[in-house]
Every structure is written in structure tokens, then in C-alpha cells.
């Protein structure tokens, strides 16, 4: 808990008060803006699957990632490899982190991002709301 934080399903991140006053869970578009600020093209930011060049490295923490695949944390986001949870299990601690956005993609899924220890880019796709990922708040 102290190192990796808490994992949330999508319903939990949508509860009022999940973020401190004056902060909120970023939308999918706000996450795209951040990725573009880190050098991703607008066309890539709006696409799905693995995108970008080194944006994951810029957002990953400088320690804790499997196989010494740590990042530079030049973005200041300091993403730790918290893994993820799904109904009935937990996986990939040390090699993966996923983040919810507040943007729904259907009645059963929402947009998320994830970083894997062996990929320099960022993965964007809709994912089942019943899975649990990390959450980050951004200032209003």
C-alpha cells in the first residue's frame, strides 16, 4: 500500500470525493494532452494500442520496475508498477501499471492507459469497468 497505492475499479474512481477538493480524475482527452506535452503526436494520442516513442519512460518511476526497466520520471508523474486486479485475481506487480480515465467508452468499459516494463510507449484502450487499476488526480 505505501509503495504502490490502491487499485480501483471504474465505479470507485467515479465517486465524489475520490480526489481532494480542487482535483479530479483526468478525462481521456486530458490524458492525451499530457501525452502530447511529452512528445506524442496528436494522431498517435488519439489512436488505440501501443502509441508514442518514450512517453512511458518519461512517466515511470526511477526504481521498482522489473528487469531494471525503470523510467526517468522526467514528467514528474512517478508511475510505480502497481499491477492490476480483476475479478478473482491480481497480476503483474512490478511490471505493469494501468490508469483509469473518467471517460466511459461504453456501458461496460472505460478508457485507460497502461505502461509495461518492456515497452517505451503507452497503451490506450477501453477496458472492463470491473477490473481495478491505479488512479491519478489532476488539478482543476
Protein backbone atom coordinates (compact mmCIF):
# COMPACT_ATOMS: atom_id res chain seq x y z
CA UNK A 1 0.00 0.00 0.00
CA UNK A 2 2.71 2.50 0.97
CA UNK A 3 4.72 1.83 -2.20
CA UNK A 4 2.09 1.15 -4.86
CA UNK A 5 -1.10 2.72 -3.56
CA UNK A 6 -4.59 1.33 -4.10
CA UNK A 7 -6.26 -0.25 -7.14
CA UNK A 8 -9.79 0.87 -8.02
CA UNK A 9 -12.50 -0.37 -10.32
CA UNK A 10 -14.03 2.32 -12.55
CA UNK A 11 -17.13 2.77 -10.41
CA UNK A 12 -14.92 3.60 -7.40
CA UNK A 13 -12.98 6.34 -9.22
CA UNK A 14 -16.25 7.98 -10.24
CA UNK A 15 -17.35 8.51 -6.61
CA UNK A 16 -17.42 12.14 -5.45
CA UNK A 17 -14.55 12.78 -3.09
CA UNK A 18 -12.12 10.26 -4.62
CA UNK A 19 -9.81 13.22 -5.29
CA UNK A 20 -9.05 16.09 -2.94
CA UNK A 21 -11.02 19.31 -3.35
CA UNK A 22 -9.89 21.14 -6.48
CA UNK A 23 -8.66 17.94 -8.18
CA UNK A 24 -10.29 15.33 -10.45
CA UNK A 25 -9.64 12.07 -12.33
CA UNK A 26 -8.43 13.10 -15.82
CA UNK A 27 -10.60 12.53 -18.86
CA UNK A 28 -9.29 10.55 -21.79
CA UNK A 29 -8.71 13.83 -23.64
CA UNK A 30 -6.76 15.31 -20.72
CA UNK A 31 -4.55 12.22 -20.72
CA UNK A 32 -4.00 12.75 -24.47
CA UNK A 33 -2.94 16.36 -23.81
CA UNK A 34 -0.36 15.15 -21.31
CA UNK A 35 0.96 12.56 -23.76
CA UNK A 36 1.28 15.25 -26.45
CA UNK A 37 3.10 17.54 -23.98
CA UNK A 38 5.60 14.68 -23.58
CA UNK A 39 6.17 14.50 -27.35
CA UNK A 40 3.46 12.20 -28.71
CA UNK A 41 1.85 13.37 -31.95
CA UNK A 42 -1.83 14.32 -31.93
CA UNK A 43 -2.63 11.49 -34.36
CA UNK A 44 -0.90 8.94 -32.11
CA UNK A 45 -2.51 10.32 -28.96
CA UNK A 46 -5.97 9.75 -30.44
CA UNK A 47 -5.25 6.22 -31.65
CA UNK A 48 -5.52 2.96 -29.70
CA UNK A 49 -2.98 0.27 -28.88
CA UNK A 50 0.70 0.99 -28.30
CA UNK A 51 1.49 4.60 -29.19
CA UNK A 52 4.34 7.05 -28.83
CA UNK A 53 8.06 6.69 -28.52
CA UNK A 54 9.34 7.17 -24.97
CA UNK A 55 6.37 8.63 -23.08
CA UNK A 56 6.18 5.62 -20.76
CA UNK A 57 9.84 6.08 -19.81
CA UNK A 58 9.19 9.76 -19.04
CA UNK A 59 6.31 8.82 -16.70
CA UNK A 60 7.78 5.72 -15.00
CA UNK A 61 9.48 5.93 -11.62
CA UNK A 62 13.26 5.61 -11.43
CA UNK A 63 13.05 2.39 -9.41
CA UNK A 64 10.88 -0.65 -8.82
CA UNK A 65 10.36 -1.84 -12.39
CA UNK A 66 11.11 -5.44 -13.38
CA UNK A 67 14.45 -6.11 -15.02
CA UNK A 68 15.82 -2.65 -14.20
CA UNK A 69 13.44 -1.20 -16.81
CA UNK A 70 12.96 1.90 -14.73
CA UNK A 71 11.98 5.23 -16.18
CA UNK A 72 13.44 8.71 -15.93
CA UNK A 73 10.39 10.28 -14.27
CA UNK A 74 11.19 13.43 -16.26
CA UNK A 75 7.43 14.14 -16.36
CA UNK A 76 7.18 14.16 -12.56
CA UNK A 77 4.30 11.64 -12.62
CA UNK A 78 6.40 8.92 -10.89
CA UNK A 79 4.33 5.90 -12.02
CA UNK A 80 5.02 2.80 -9.93
CA UNK A 81 4.38 -0.72 -11.29
CA UNK A 82 1.33 -1.49 -9.14
CA UNK A 83 -0.04 -4.30 -11.32
CA UNK A 84 -3.79 -4.69 -11.67
CA UNK A 85 -6.69 -6.65 -10.23
CA UNK A 86 -9.54 -8.41 -11.97
CA UNK A 87 -12.50 -10.30 -10.58
CA UNK A 88 -10.86 -13.25 -8.87
CA UNK A 89 -7.20 -12.26 -9.10
CA UNK A 90 -4.24 -9.90 -9.11
CA UNK A 91 -1.31 -9.82 -11.54
CA UNK A 92 1.80 -8.06 -12.89
CA UNK A 93 3.07 -6.30 -9.76
CA UNK A 94 6.49 -4.89 -10.68
CA UNK A 95 5.98 -4.93 -14.43
CA UNK A 96 2.77 -3.05 -15.22
CA UNK A 97 0.67 -0.08 -14.21
CA UNK A 98 -2.70 0.90 -15.58
CA UNK A 99 -4.57 4.17 -15.03
CA UNK A 100 -8.26 4.85 -15.39
CA UNK A 101 -9.58 7.96 -17.07
CA UNK A 102 -13.00 9.32 -16.18
CA UNK A 103 -14.17 8.78 -19.77
CA UNK A 104 -16.61 5.97 -20.48
CA UNK A 105 -16.28 4.13 -23.79
CA UNK A 106 -19.45 2.02 -23.44
CA UNK A 107 -21.89 0.90 -20.76
CA UNK A 108 -19.40 -1.73 -19.55
CA UNK A 109 -15.97 -0.23 -20.31
CA UNK A 110 -13.95 2.95 -19.87
CA UNK A 111 -10.73 4.37 -21.31
CA UNK A 112 -7.50 3.52 -19.56
CA UNK A 113 -3.75 3.77 -20.12
CA UNK A 114 -1.10 1.28 -19.25
CA UNK A 115 2.65 1.03 -19.22
CA UNK A 116 4.55 -2.23 -19.37
CA UNK A 117 8.13 -2.62 -18.19
CA UNK A 118 9.37 -3.66 -21.64
CA UNK A 119 7.56 -1.01 -23.74
CA UNK A 120 8.60 2.62 -24.18
CA UNK A 121 5.21 3.80 -25.44
CA UNK A 122 1.80 4.00 -23.76
CA UNK A 123 -1.13 1.64 -24.43
CA UNK A 124 -4.61 3.19 -24.80
CA UNK A 125 -7.77 1.12 -24.93
CA UNK A 126 -11.20 0.68 -23.37
CA UNK A 127 -11.23 -1.87 -20.57
CA UNK A 128 -13.85 -3.60 -18.46
CA UNK A 129 -15.04 -1.39 -15.61
CA UNK A 130 -14.87 -4.40 -13.27
CA UNK A 131 -11.05 -4.53 -13.46
CA UNK A 132 -9.03 -2.48 -11.00
CA UNK A 133 -6.21 -0.10 -11.88
CA UNK A 134 -4.41 2.82 -10.31
CA UNK A 135 -5.90 6.30 -10.36
CA UNK A 136 -4.29 9.71 -10.54
CA UNK A 137 -5.90 13.03 -9.79
CA UNK A 138 -5.06 16.24 -11.63
CA UNK A 139 -5.65 19.78 -10.51
CA UNK A 140 -8.78 21.53 -11.83
